[in-house]
Each structure stands twice: as structure tokens, then as C-alpha cells.
């Protein structure tokens, strides 16, 4: 039985449950939140905020209960994010140590492939940190600390998060030679064809 795979699936499911529970209990929308952003939301998007489901935190101009649960929610989500990032680096260090260990018996080709996969996974770790964790933390704590953040920063954050599904597989494609060569093959063929035609006319 693949115990490691089962544990990984259980870990991800528990992570989703904890994250969803924090959103549900701490960052769910309240009438005060809807009233606070109603006018600006209508002006920007021409939509009624009552027809939109959202999670948010409100850190001033509201009841102490909403402020407290907003801080609890944002700190809890930040803790989960930081824990995940630390776990990435700890496991990455263990993987590198294992690959460089003299006691690991594997062929040179297999070791090379493992290192290429590790580089791809390292990039796949950096991408969500840059396009998801940092923008979300910046917008949340900007509001919590009452920093005047312009709308274009929120728009850039939304675009960066939406680019994650596109950027994530590119790391695997460009760091694994087989996939990279297969992707670039049509362009290489065109280049070789132009070179062959040029040489033919030169002769």
C-alpha cells in the first residue's frame, strides 16, 4: 500500500478543511462589510454587493467582534502560508542532501533527472509565493494597517494570481530536456529548414 501517497492526500484534504473553516468562521461577509463597500463597489463594477459572495476582513469602523475575527482569520491564514513555505524549504534541503549523499545508489542518468526535477519543483514553489502568497498578504495587511493602496495594485495582484495555472507547468516544461525539446521542436525544424535553403542557394 502506498502509505506516502495516502498520507499526502490526507494532508492536502486536512489543509483544505482548515483553510475553509477559517474563511467560514472568521472571514465570512457581514452586513457591516457589505454596507461599507456598497457604494464604491457599485461605482467600480456597477453591481449590487448583495448579489456577490465573498470573504473579507474589516479592521475598523465596525464592531469589536468583526475586528477580532478578522484579525484572527488573517493571522491564521498567514500562519498556514508561512508554515507551508518553511516546509517547502525543509523538504527541499532534505532532497538535496539525499541526492548528494554518497550512500544513495542510483545511476548517473537517474541522479541527473532527479536534480532536474528538483529544479523544476523549486521554481514551482517560488511561483505561488510570488504570484499568490505575497500579493494576498500585501492586500490583506495593507487594509489591516490602514495603508492607502491604490486600485491598480489590487488589479495587478488579481492578474498575478490568475496567471498561476499558466506559469506553474512552464517550470516542468523548461527544466526537463525531453519536454523542452518536444515543445521547441517545431521552431527548431523551421530554423533548420531556413538554414538548409540558405546553404542551397549559397552553393
N, C-alpha and C. Protein backbone atom coordinates (compact mmCIF):
# COMPACT_ATOMS: atom_id res chain seq x y z
N UNK A 1 0.84 -1.20 0.00
CA UNK A 1 0.00 0.00 0.00
C UNK A 1 0.88 1.26 0.00
N UNK A 2 0.63 2.20 -0.90
CA UNK A 2 1.46 3.42 -0.96
C UNK A 2 1.14 4.38 0.19
N UNK A 3 1.74 4.12 1.34
CA UNK A 3 1.42 4.91 2.53
C UNK A 3 1.75 6.40 2.34
N UNK A 4 2.89 6.68 1.67
CA UNK A 4 3.27 8.07 1.46
C UNK A 4 2.24 8.84 0.65
N UNK A 5 1.69 8.18 -0.39
CA UNK A 5 0.68 8.83 -1.22
C UNK A 5 -0.60 9.09 -0.43
N UNK A 6 -1.00 8.10 0.37
CA UNK A 6 -2.22 8.25 1.18
C UNK A 6 -2.06 9.39 2.19
N UNK A 7 -0.90 9.42 2.85
CA UNK A 7 -0.64 10.49 3.83
C UNK A 7 -0.65 11.86 3.15
N UNK A 8 -0.09 11.93 1.94
CA UNK A 8 -0.07 13.20 1.21
C UNK A 8 -1.48 13.67 0.89
N UNK A 9 -2.33 12.74 0.45
CA UNK A 9 -3.72 13.10 0.13
C UNK A 9 -4.46 13.57 1.39
N UNK A 10 -4.27 12.84 2.49
CA UNK A 10 -4.92 13.22 3.76
C UNK A 10 -4.45 14.59 4.21
N UNK A 11 -3.15 14.85 4.06
CA UNK A 11 -2.59 16.15 4.46
C UNK A 11 -3.22 17.28 3.66
N UNK A 12 -3.35 17.08 2.35
CA UNK A 12 -3.95 18.12 1.50
C UNK A 12 -5.41 18.35 1.87
N UNK A 13 -6.15 17.26 2.11
CA UNK A 13 -7.57 17.38 2.47
C UNK A 13 -7.72 18.13 3.80
N UNK A 14 -6.89 17.78 4.78
CA UNK A 14 -6.95 18.47 6.07
C UNK A 14 -6.59 19.95 5.92
N UNK A 15 -5.62 20.22 5.07
CA UNK A 15 -5.23 21.60 4.80
C UNK A 15 -6.41 22.38 4.23
N UNK A 16 -7.13 21.77 3.29
CA UNK A 16 -8.30 22.42 2.69
C UNK A 16 -9.40 22.65 3.72
N UNK A 17 -9.61 21.67 4.60
CA UNK A 17 -10.65 21.80 5.62
C UNK A 17 -10.32 22.94 6.59
N UNK A 18 -9.05 23.01 7.02
CA UNK A 18 -8.65 24.07 7.95
C UNK A 18 -8.78 25.44 7.29
N UNK A 19 -8.32 25.53 6.04
CA UNK A 19 -8.39 26.82 5.33
C UNK A 19 -9.85 27.25 5.14
N UNK A 20 -10.68 26.31 4.71
CA UNK A 20 -12.10 26.62 4.52
C UNK A 20 -12.79 26.99 5.82
N UNK A 21 -12.42 26.32 6.91
CA UNK A 21 -13.02 26.63 8.21
C UNK A 21 -12.66 28.04 8.67
N UNK A 22 -11.41 28.44 8.44
CA UNK A 22 -11.00 29.80 8.82
C UNK A 22 -11.79 30.83 8.02
N UNK A 23 -11.92 30.59 6.72
CA UNK A 23 -12.71 31.51 5.89
C UNK A 23 -14.17 31.57 6.35
N UNK A 24 -14.72 30.40 6.68
CA UNK A 24 -16.14 30.32 7.04
C UNK A 24 -16.43 31.00 8.38
N UNK A 25 -15.58 30.76 9.36
CA UNK A 25 -15.87 31.26 10.71
C UNK A 25 -15.28 32.66 10.98
N UNK A 26 -14.18 33.01 10.31
CA UNK A 26 -13.51 34.27 10.63
C UNK A 26 -13.66 35.35 9.57
N UNK A 27 -13.77 34.97 8.31
CA UNK A 27 -13.73 35.96 7.24
C UNK A 27 -15.00 35.98 6.40
N UNK A 28 -16.08 35.42 6.92
CA UNK A 28 -17.33 35.47 6.16
C UNK A 28 -17.88 36.89 6.15
N UNK A 29 -18.63 37.20 5.11
CA UNK A 29 -19.16 38.56 4.96
C UNK A 29 -20.24 38.83 6.01
N UNK A 30 -20.32 40.08 6.40
CA UNK A 30 -21.32 40.53 7.37
C UNK A 30 -22.01 41.77 6.81
N UNK A 31 -23.21 42.10 7.31
CA UNK A 31 -23.90 43.31 6.81
C UNK A 31 -23.05 44.57 6.89
N UNK A 32 -22.25 44.70 7.96
CA UNK A 32 -21.39 45.88 8.08
C UNK A 32 -20.39 45.96 6.93
N UNK A 33 -19.84 44.80 6.55
CA UNK A 33 -18.88 44.78 5.44
C UNK A 33 -19.54 45.19 4.14
N UNK A 34 -20.72 44.63 3.89
CA UNK A 34 -21.42 44.94 2.64
C UNK A 34 -21.79 46.43 2.56
N UNK A 35 -22.25 46.97 3.67
CA UNK A 35 -22.62 48.39 3.68
C UNK A 35 -21.39 49.29 3.52
N UNK A 36 -20.26 48.83 4.04
CA UNK A 36 -19.03 49.63 3.99
C UNK A 36 -18.52 49.80 2.56
N UNK A 37 -18.65 48.75 1.75
CA UNK A 37 -18.11 48.80 0.38
C UNK A 37 -19.20 48.92 -0.68
N UNK A 38 -20.43 49.07 -0.25
CA UNK A 38 -21.55 49.06 -1.21
C UNK A 38 -21.40 50.15 -2.28
N UNK A 39 -21.16 51.38 -1.86
CA UNK A 39 -21.12 52.50 -2.81
C UNK A 39 -19.94 52.38 -3.77
N UNK A 40 -18.74 52.11 -3.22
CA UNK A 40 -17.56 52.01 -4.08
C UNK A 40 -17.63 50.81 -5.01
N UNK A 41 -18.20 49.69 -4.53
CA UNK A 41 -18.35 48.51 -5.38
C UNK A 41 -19.30 48.79 -6.53
N UNK A 42 -20.38 49.50 -6.23
CA UNK A 42 -21.35 49.86 -7.27
C UNK A 42 -20.71 50.79 -8.29
N UNK A 43 -19.88 51.71 -7.81
CA UNK A 43 -19.24 52.67 -8.71
C UNK A 43 -18.22 52.00 -9.62
N UNK A 44 -17.45 51.06 -9.06
CA UNK A 44 -16.39 50.42 -9.83
C UNK A 44 -16.92 49.36 -10.79
N UNK A 45 -17.86 48.52 -10.32
CA UNK A 45 -18.28 47.35 -11.09
C UNK A 45 -19.73 47.40 -11.55
N UNK A 46 -20.47 48.42 -11.09
CA UNK A 46 -21.89 48.55 -11.44
C UNK A 46 -22.66 47.27 -11.08
N UNK A 47 -22.36 46.72 -9.93
CA UNK A 47 -23.03 45.52 -9.43
C UNK A 47 -23.48 45.75 -8.00
N UNK A 48 -24.53 45.02 -7.62
CA UNK A 48 -25.04 45.09 -6.25
C UNK A 48 -24.25 44.12 -5.38
N UNK A 49 -23.64 44.62 -4.32
CA UNK A 49 -22.81 43.78 -3.46
C UNK A 49 -23.61 42.67 -2.80
N UNK A 50 -24.92 42.84 -2.66
CA UNK A 50 -25.75 41.80 -2.04
C UNK A 50 -25.85 40.55 -2.91
N UNK A 51 -25.51 40.66 -4.19
CA UNK A 51 -25.57 39.51 -5.09
C UNK A 51 -24.24 38.78 -5.21
N UNK A 52 -23.24 39.21 -4.44
CA UNK A 52 -21.89 38.67 -4.54
C UNK A 52 -21.53 37.94 -3.25
N UNK A 53 -20.98 36.73 -3.40
CA UNK A 53 -20.41 36.01 -2.26
C UNK A 53 -18.92 36.34 -2.15
N UNK A 54 -18.46 36.64 -0.97
CA UNK A 54 -17.05 36.99 -0.81
C UNK A 54 -16.61 36.73 0.62
N UNK A 55 -15.31 36.62 0.79
CA UNK A 55 -14.71 36.57 2.13
C UNK A 55 -13.85 37.82 2.28
N UNK A 56 -13.84 38.38 3.47
CA UNK A 56 -13.11 39.63 3.68
C UNK A 56 -12.88 39.84 5.16
N UNK A 57 -11.98 40.76 5.45
CA UNK A 57 -11.75 41.19 6.82
C UNK A 57 -12.04 42.68 6.93
N UNK A 58 -12.53 43.09 8.07
CA UNK A 58 -12.81 44.51 8.31
C UNK A 58 -12.16 44.88 9.64
N UNK A 59 -11.30 45.89 9.61
CA UNK A 59 -10.44 46.15 10.75
C UNK A 59 -10.70 47.49 11.43
N UNK A 60 -11.72 48.21 10.99
CA UNK A 60 -12.07 49.48 11.63
C UNK A 60 -13.50 49.85 11.24
N UNK A 61 -14.05 50.83 11.96
CA UNK A 61 -15.41 51.33 11.67
C UNK A 61 -16.46 50.23 11.74
N UNK A 62 -16.29 49.30 12.66
CA UNK A 62 -17.26 48.22 12.82
C UNK A 62 -17.19 47.71 14.26
N UNK A 63 -17.90 46.64 14.54
CA UNK A 63 -17.95 46.11 15.91
C UNK A 63 -16.64 45.42 16.27
N UNK A 64 -16.39 45.31 17.58
CA UNK A 64 -15.18 44.64 18.06
C UNK A 64 -15.16 43.17 17.66
N UNK A 65 -16.34 42.56 17.59
CA UNK A 65 -16.42 41.14 17.23
C UNK A 65 -15.92 40.90 15.81
N UNK A 66 -16.30 41.77 14.88
CA UNK A 66 -15.86 41.62 13.49
C UNK A 66 -14.37 41.91 13.36
N UNK A 67 -13.89 42.94 14.06
CA UNK A 67 -12.46 43.26 14.03
C UNK A 67 -11.64 42.10 14.58
N UNK A 68 -12.08 41.52 15.69
CA UNK A 68 -11.35 40.42 16.32
C UNK A 68 -11.29 39.20 15.41
N UNK A 69 -12.43 38.83 14.84
CA UNK A 69 -12.42 37.63 13.99
C UNK A 69 -11.69 37.89 12.67
N UNK A 70 -11.67 39.14 12.21
CA UNK A 70 -10.90 39.47 11.00
C UNK A 70 -9.41 39.30 11.25
N UNK A 71 -8.93 39.81 12.39
CA UNK A 71 -7.52 39.64 12.73
C UNK A 71 -7.19 38.16 12.94
N UNK A 72 -8.08 37.44 13.61
CA UNK A 72 -7.85 36.00 13.82
C UNK A 72 -7.75 35.27 12.49
N UNK A 73 -8.62 35.63 11.55
CA UNK A 73 -8.61 34.97 10.25
C UNK A 73 -7.35 35.25 9.46
N UNK A 74 -6.96 36.52 9.39
CA UNK A 74 -5.79 36.86 8.57
C UNK A 74 -4.50 36.31 9.18
N UNK A 75 -4.39 36.34 10.50
CA UNK A 75 -3.19 35.79 11.15
C UNK A 75 -3.14 34.28 10.98
N UNK A 76 -4.28 33.61 11.08
CA UNK A 76 -4.31 32.15 10.89
C UNK A 76 -3.92 31.77 9.47
N UNK A 77 -4.45 32.48 8.48
CA UNK A 77 -4.11 32.18 7.09
C UNK A 77 -2.64 32.48 6.80
N UNK A 78 -2.12 33.55 7.39
CA UNK A 78 -0.70 33.85 7.23
C UNK A 78 0.16 32.76 7.85
N UNK A 79 -0.27 32.26 9.02
CA UNK A 79 0.47 31.18 9.67
C UNK A 79 0.51 29.92 8.81
N UNK A 80 -0.62 29.58 8.20
CA UNK A 80 -0.65 28.40 7.32
C UNK A 80 0.27 28.61 6.12
N UNK A 81 0.22 29.81 5.54
CA UNK A 81 1.08 30.09 4.39
C UNK A 81 2.56 30.03 4.75
N UNK A 82 2.94 30.64 5.87
CA UNK A 82 4.34 30.61 6.30
C UNK A 82 4.79 29.20 6.64
N UNK A 83 3.91 28.43 7.27
CA UNK A 83 4.23 27.04 7.59
C UNK A 83 4.51 26.25 6.32
N UNK A 84 3.69 26.47 5.29
CA UNK A 84 3.88 25.76 4.03
C UNK A 84 5.20 26.14 3.38
N UNK A 85 5.53 27.44 3.41
CA UNK A 85 6.79 27.89 2.80
C UNK A 85 7.99 27.29 3.53
N UNK A 86 7.95 27.30 4.86
CA UNK A 86 9.04 26.70 5.64
C UNK A 86 9.15 25.22 5.33
N UNK A 87 8.01 24.54 5.21
CA UNK A 87 8.02 23.11 4.89
C UNK A 87 8.65 22.87 3.53
N UNK A 88 8.36 23.74 2.55
CA UNK A 88 8.98 23.61 1.23
C UNK A 88 10.50 23.61 1.35
N UNK A 89 11.04 24.58 2.09
CA UNK A 89 12.49 24.71 2.17
C UNK A 89 13.12 23.57 2.97
N UNK A 90 12.44 23.12 4.02
CA UNK A 90 12.97 22.00 4.81
C UNK A 90 13.03 20.73 3.97
N UNK A 91 11.93 20.43 3.28
CA UNK A 91 11.91 19.23 2.43
C UNK A 91 12.88 19.37 1.26
N UNK A 92 13.00 20.59 0.72
CA UNK A 92 13.96 20.81 -0.36
C UNK A 92 15.39 20.55 0.09
N UNK A 93 15.72 21.01 1.30
CA UNK A 93 17.06 20.75 1.84
C UNK A 93 17.30 19.25 2.02
N UNK A 94 16.28 18.54 2.50
CA UNK A 94 16.42 17.10 2.69
C UNK A 94 16.60 16.39 1.34
N UNK A 95 15.89 16.85 0.31
CA UNK A 95 16.01 16.23 -1.01
C UNK A 95 17.41 16.45 -1.57
N UNK A 96 17.92 17.69 -1.47
CA UNK A 96 19.26 17.98 -1.97
C UNK A 96 20.31 17.18 -1.20
N UNK A 97 20.16 17.09 0.11
CA UNK A 97 21.10 16.30 0.92
C UNK A 97 21.06 14.84 0.52
N UNK A 98 19.85 14.33 0.25
CA UNK A 98 19.73 12.94 -0.16
C UNK A 98 20.35 12.68 -1.51
N UNK A 99 20.17 13.61 -2.46
CA UNK A 99 20.74 13.43 -3.80
C UNK A 99 22.26 13.51 -3.78
N UNK A 100 22.81 14.32 -2.89
CA UNK A 100 24.27 14.48 -2.81
C UNK A 100 24.93 13.47 -1.89
N UNK A 101 24.14 12.64 -1.23
CA UNK A 101 24.69 11.66 -0.30
C UNK A 101 25.43 10.55 -1.06
N UNK A 102 26.54 10.12 -0.52
CA UNK A 102 27.32 9.05 -1.14
C UNK A 102 26.65 7.70 -0.96
N UNK A 103 25.71 7.62 -0.04
CA UNK A 103 25.08 6.33 0.25
C UNK A 103 23.88 6.05 -0.65
N UNK A 104 23.47 7.03 -1.44
CA UNK A 104 22.34 6.83 -2.35
C UNK A 104 22.84 6.15 -3.60
N UNK A 105 22.32 4.96 -3.87
CA UNK A 105 22.74 4.17 -5.02
C UNK A 105 21.78 4.41 -6.18
N UNK A 106 22.23 5.18 -7.17
CA UNK A 106 21.44 5.38 -8.38
C UNK A 106 22.39 5.72 -9.52
N UNK A 107 21.94 5.45 -10.72
CA UNK A 107 22.79 5.71 -11.88
C UNK A 107 22.98 7.21 -12.06
N UNK A 108 23.99 7.56 -12.84
CA UNK A 108 24.28 8.97 -13.09
C UNK A 108 23.12 9.65 -13.82
N UNK A 109 22.51 8.91 -14.75
CA UNK A 109 21.39 9.47 -15.51
C UNK A 109 20.18 9.72 -14.61
N UNK A 110 19.92 8.76 -13.70
CA UNK A 110 18.79 8.92 -12.77
C UNK A 110 19.03 10.09 -11.82
N UNK A 111 20.26 10.21 -11.32
CA UNK A 111 20.59 11.32 -10.42
C UNK A 111 20.43 12.66 -11.13
N UNK A 112 20.86 12.71 -12.41
CA UNK A 112 20.72 13.94 -13.17
C UNK A 112 19.25 14.32 -13.36
N UNK A 113 18.43 13.31 -13.65
CA UNK A 113 16.99 13.56 -13.82
C UNK A 113 16.36 14.03 -12.52
N UNK A 114 16.78 13.43 -11.40
CA UNK A 114 16.25 13.84 -10.10
C UNK A 114 16.60 15.30 -9.80
N UNK A 115 17.79 15.72 -10.16
CA UNK A 115 18.19 17.11 -9.93
C UNK A 115 17.40 18.06 -10.82
N UNK A 116 17.14 17.63 -12.06
CA UNK A 116 16.32 18.46 -12.95
C UNK A 116 14.90 18.60 -12.42
N UNK A 117 14.36 17.49 -11.91
CA UNK A 117 13.02 17.55 -11.32
C UNK A 117 12.99 18.46 -10.10
N UNK A 118 14.06 18.39 -9.30
CA UNK A 118 14.11 19.24 -8.11
C UNK A 118 14.15 20.72 -8.50
N UNK A 119 14.91 21.06 -9.54
CA UNK A 119 14.94 22.45 -10.00
C UNK A 119 13.55 22.91 -10.44
N UNK A 120 12.86 22.03 -11.17
CA UNK A 120 11.50 22.37 -11.62
C UNK A 120 10.57 22.57 -10.43
N UNK A 121 10.67 21.69 -9.43
CA UNK A 121 9.82 21.82 -8.25
C UNK A 121 10.17 23.07 -7.45
N UNK A 122 11.46 23.44 -7.44
CA UNK A 122 11.86 24.67 -6.74
C UNK A 122 11.21 25.89 -7.39
N UNK A 123 11.21 25.92 -8.73
CA UNK A 123 10.56 27.02 -9.43
C UNK A 123 9.06 27.00 -9.18
N UNK A 124 8.47 25.79 -9.15
CA UNK A 124 7.04 25.68 -8.88
C UNK A 124 6.71 26.11 -7.46
N UNK A 125 7.68 26.09 -6.57
CA UNK A 125 7.47 26.59 -5.21
C UNK A 125 7.54 28.11 -5.17
N UNK A 126 8.49 28.67 -5.91
CA UNK A 126 8.67 30.12 -5.91
C UNK A 126 7.49 30.82 -6.59
N UNK A 127 6.94 30.21 -7.65
CA UNK A 127 5.86 30.85 -8.41
C UNK A 127 4.66 31.17 -7.53
N UNK A 128 4.08 30.21 -6.78
CA UNK A 128 2.92 30.57 -5.94
C UNK A 128 3.26 31.56 -4.83
N UNK A 129 4.50 31.53 -4.34
CA UNK A 129 4.89 32.51 -3.33
C UNK A 129 4.84 33.92 -3.92
N UNK A 130 5.32 34.06 -5.16
CA UNK A 130 5.39 35.39 -5.79
C UNK A 130 4.05 35.86 -6.33
N UNK A 131 3.26 34.94 -6.89
CA UNK A 131 2.02 35.38 -7.56
C UNK A 131 0.77 35.15 -6.73
N UNK A 132 0.90 34.49 -5.59
CA UNK A 132 -0.29 34.23 -4.78
C UNK A 132 -0.11 34.70 -3.33
N UNK A 133 0.88 34.12 -2.64
CA UNK A 133 1.02 34.40 -1.21
C UNK A 133 1.37 35.87 -0.95
N UNK A 134 2.38 36.39 -1.63
CA UNK A 134 2.81 37.77 -1.39
C UNK A 134 1.74 38.79 -1.77
N UNK A 135 1.11 38.69 -2.97
CA UNK A 135 0.05 39.67 -3.29
C UNK A 135 -1.12 39.62 -2.31
N UNK A 136 -1.56 38.41 -1.93
CA UNK A 136 -2.68 38.30 -0.98
C UNK A 136 -2.31 38.89 0.38
N UNK A 137 -1.12 38.58 0.86
CA UNK A 137 -0.69 39.12 2.15
C UNK A 137 -0.58 40.64 2.09
N UNK A 138 -0.08 41.15 0.98
CA UNK A 138 0.09 42.59 0.82
C UNK A 138 -1.25 43.30 0.86
N UNK A 139 -2.24 42.77 0.14
CA UNK A 139 -3.55 43.43 0.11
C UNK A 139 -4.27 43.30 1.46
N UNK A 140 -4.14 42.14 2.11
CA UNK A 140 -4.79 41.96 3.41
C UNK A 140 -4.19 42.88 4.47
N UNK A 141 -2.86 42.86 4.59
CA UNK A 141 -2.23 43.65 5.63
C UNK A 141 -2.24 45.14 5.30
N UNK A 142 -2.32 45.48 4.01
CA UNK A 142 -2.48 46.88 3.64
C UNK A 142 -3.77 47.44 4.20
N UNK A 143 -4.85 46.65 4.08
CA UNK A 143 -6.13 47.09 4.64
C UNK A 143 -6.11 47.07 6.17
N UNK A 144 -5.49 46.04 6.74
CA UNK A 144 -5.48 45.92 8.20
C UNK A 144 -4.70 47.05 8.86
N UNK A 145 -3.59 47.46 8.23
CA UNK A 145 -2.74 48.50 8.80
C UNK A 145 -3.08 49.89 8.27
N UNK A 146 -4.19 49.95 7.51
CA UNK A 146 -4.72 51.22 7.00
C UNK A 146 -3.70 51.95 6.13
N UNK A 147 -3.03 51.17 5.27
CA UNK A 147 -2.12 51.73 4.28
C UNK A 147 -2.92 52.03 3.02
N UNK A 148 -2.75 53.22 2.50
CA UNK A 148 -3.52 53.63 1.32
C UNK A 148 -2.94 52.94 0.08
N UNK A 149 -3.60 51.89 -0.36
CA UNK A 149 -3.15 51.13 -1.53
C UNK A 149 -4.03 51.50 -2.71
N UNK A 150 -3.39 51.84 -3.81
CA UNK A 150 -4.13 52.25 -5.00
C UNK A 150 -4.79 51.04 -5.65
N UNK A 151 -5.84 51.31 -6.43
CA UNK A 151 -6.60 50.23 -7.06
C UNK A 151 -5.76 49.40 -8.01
N UNK A 152 -4.79 50.02 -8.71
CA UNK A 152 -4.02 49.27 -9.69
C UNK A 152 -3.19 48.17 -9.03
N UNK A 153 -2.82 48.36 -7.77
CA UNK A 153 -2.09 47.30 -7.07
C UNK A 153 -2.98 46.08 -6.87
N UNK A 154 -4.25 46.31 -6.52
CA UNK A 154 -5.19 45.20 -6.39
C UNK A 154 -5.40 44.51 -7.73
N UNK A 155 -5.47 45.30 -8.80
CA UNK A 155 -5.67 44.71 -10.12
C UNK A 155 -4.47 43.85 -10.52
N UNK A 156 -3.26 44.35 -10.25
CA UNK A 156 -2.06 43.57 -10.57
C UNK A 156 -2.04 42.28 -9.76
N UNK A 157 -2.45 42.35 -8.49
CA UNK A 157 -2.49 41.15 -7.65
C UNK A 157 -3.46 40.13 -8.21
N UNK A 158 -4.63 40.58 -8.66
CA UNK A 158 -5.61 39.66 -9.24
C UNK A 158 -5.09 39.02 -10.51
N UNK A 159 -4.40 39.81 -11.35
CA UNK A 159 -3.83 39.26 -12.59
C UNK A 159 -2.74 38.25 -12.27
N UNK A 160 -1.89 38.57 -11.29
CA UNK A 160 -0.80 37.65 -10.93
C UNK A 160 -1.34 36.32 -10.44
N UNK A 161 -2.39 36.35 -9.61
CA UNK A 161 -2.98 35.11 -9.11
C UNK A 161 -3.60 34.31 -10.25
N UNK A 162 -4.26 34.99 -11.19
CA UNK A 162 -4.89 34.28 -12.30
C UNK A 162 -3.87 33.68 -13.26
N UNK A 163 -2.62 34.18 -13.25
CA UNK A 163 -1.58 33.64 -14.13
C UNK A 163 -0.95 32.37 -13.59
N UNK A 164 -1.22 32.03 -12.33
CA UNK A 164 -0.58 30.87 -11.71
C UNK A 164 -0.78 29.57 -12.48
N UNK A 165 -2.02 29.23 -12.93
CA UNK A 165 -2.18 27.96 -13.67
C UNK A 165 -1.38 27.91 -14.96
N UNK A 166 -1.07 29.08 -15.54
CA UNK A 166 -0.28 29.12 -16.77
C UNK A 166 1.21 29.01 -16.47
N UNK A 167 1.68 29.69 -15.44
CA UNK A 167 3.10 29.71 -15.13
C UNK A 167 3.59 28.42 -14.50
N UNK A 168 2.74 27.75 -13.73
CA UNK A 168 3.16 26.57 -12.97
C UNK A 168 3.69 25.45 -13.86
N UNK A 169 2.99 25.03 -14.93
CA UNK A 169 3.53 23.93 -15.75
C UNK A 169 4.74 24.33 -16.58
N UNK A 170 4.98 25.63 -16.79
CA UNK A 170 6.13 26.05 -17.58
C UNK A 170 7.44 25.64 -16.91
N UNK A 171 7.46 25.59 -15.58
CA UNK A 171 8.67 25.18 -14.87
C UNK A 171 9.06 23.75 -15.25
N UNK A 172 8.09 22.85 -15.25
CA UNK A 172 8.35 21.46 -15.62
C UNK A 172 8.79 21.38 -17.08
N UNK A 173 8.12 22.11 -17.96
CA UNK A 173 8.40 22.02 -19.39
C UNK A 173 9.82 22.49 -19.71
N UNK A 174 10.25 23.60 -19.12
CA UNK A 174 11.53 24.17 -19.50
C UNK A 174 12.72 23.59 -18.72
N UNK A 175 12.48 22.92 -17.60
CA UNK A 175 13.59 22.34 -16.86
C UNK A 175 13.83 20.88 -17.20
N UNK A 176 12.89 20.22 -17.85
CA UNK A 176 13.09 18.83 -18.27
C UNK A 176 13.43 18.84 -19.76
N UNK A 177 14.64 18.38 -20.13
CA UNK A 177 15.07 18.46 -21.53
C UNK A 177 14.12 17.79 -22.51
N UNK A 178 13.56 16.64 -22.15
CA UNK A 178 12.68 15.92 -23.08
C UNK A 178 11.45 16.77 -23.42
N UNK A 179 10.83 17.36 -22.41
CA UNK A 179 9.66 18.20 -22.65
C UNK A 179 10.04 19.49 -23.37
N UNK A 180 11.16 20.06 -22.99
CA UNK A 180 11.60 21.32 -23.61
C UNK A 180 11.91 21.11 -25.10
N UNK A 181 12.60 20.03 -25.41
CA UNK A 181 12.93 19.75 -26.81
C UNK A 181 11.68 19.47 -27.63
N UNK A 182 10.73 18.75 -27.02
CA UNK A 182 9.48 18.47 -27.74
C UNK A 182 8.71 19.75 -28.01
N UNK A 183 8.72 20.67 -27.06
CA UNK A 183 8.00 21.93 -27.23
C UNK A 183 8.66 22.81 -28.29
N UNK A 184 10.00 22.82 -28.30
CA UNK A 184 10.73 23.69 -29.23
C UNK A 184 11.00 23.05 -30.58
N UNK A 185 10.60 21.79 -30.75
CA UNK A 185 10.89 21.07 -31.99
C UNK A 185 10.35 21.79 -33.22
N UNK A 186 9.09 22.27 -33.23
CA UNK A 186 8.60 22.96 -34.44
C UNK A 186 9.43 24.19 -34.81
N UNK A 187 9.91 24.93 -33.80
CA UNK A 187 10.71 26.11 -34.08
C UNK A 187 12.10 25.72 -34.60
N UNK A 188 12.65 24.64 -34.03
CA UNK A 188 13.96 24.17 -34.49
C UNK A 188 13.89 23.66 -35.92
N UNK A 189 12.79 22.97 -36.27
CA UNK A 189 12.63 22.48 -37.64
C UNK A 189 12.60 23.65 -38.62
N UNK A 190 11.86 24.69 -38.26
CA UNK A 190 11.79 25.86 -39.12
C UNK A 190 13.15 26.51 -39.29
N UNK A 191 13.94 26.55 -38.21
CA UNK A 191 15.26 27.15 -38.27
C UNK A 191 16.19 26.33 -39.16
N UNK A 192 16.13 24.97 -39.01
CA UNK A 192 16.96 24.10 -39.84
C UNK A 192 16.58 24.21 -41.30
N UNK A 193 15.27 24.34 -41.57
CA UNK A 193 14.80 24.45 -42.95
C UNK A 193 15.31 25.73 -43.59
N UNK A 194 15.26 26.82 -42.86
CA UNK A 194 15.78 28.09 -43.38
C UNK A 194 17.27 28.00 -43.64
N UNK A 195 17.99 27.34 -42.71
CA UNK A 195 19.43 27.18 -42.87
C UNK A 195 19.75 26.34 -44.09
N UNK A 196 18.97 25.25 -44.31
CA UNK A 196 19.21 24.38 -45.45
C UNK A 196 18.96 25.12 -46.76
N UNK A 197 17.88 25.89 -46.82
CA UNK A 197 17.56 26.66 -48.03
C UNK A 197 18.64 27.70 -48.29
N UNK A 198 19.12 28.36 -47.26
CA UNK A 198 20.17 29.37 -47.41
C UNK A 198 21.44 28.74 -47.95
N UNK A 199 21.82 27.57 -47.40
CA UNK A 199 23.02 26.88 -47.87
C UNK A 199 22.88 26.44 -49.32
N UNK A 200 21.67 26.01 -49.70
CA UNK A 200 21.43 25.55 -51.06
C UNK A 200 21.65 26.69 -52.06
N UNK A 201 21.11 27.86 -51.73
CA UNK A 201 21.27 28.99 -52.64
C UNK A 201 22.70 29.53 -52.60
N UNK A 202 23.40 29.33 -51.50
CA UNK A 202 24.79 29.76 -51.42
C UNK A 202 25.66 28.94 -52.35
N UNK A 203 25.34 27.61 -52.42
CA UNK A 203 26.10 26.75 -53.32
C UNK A 203 25.80 27.10 -54.77
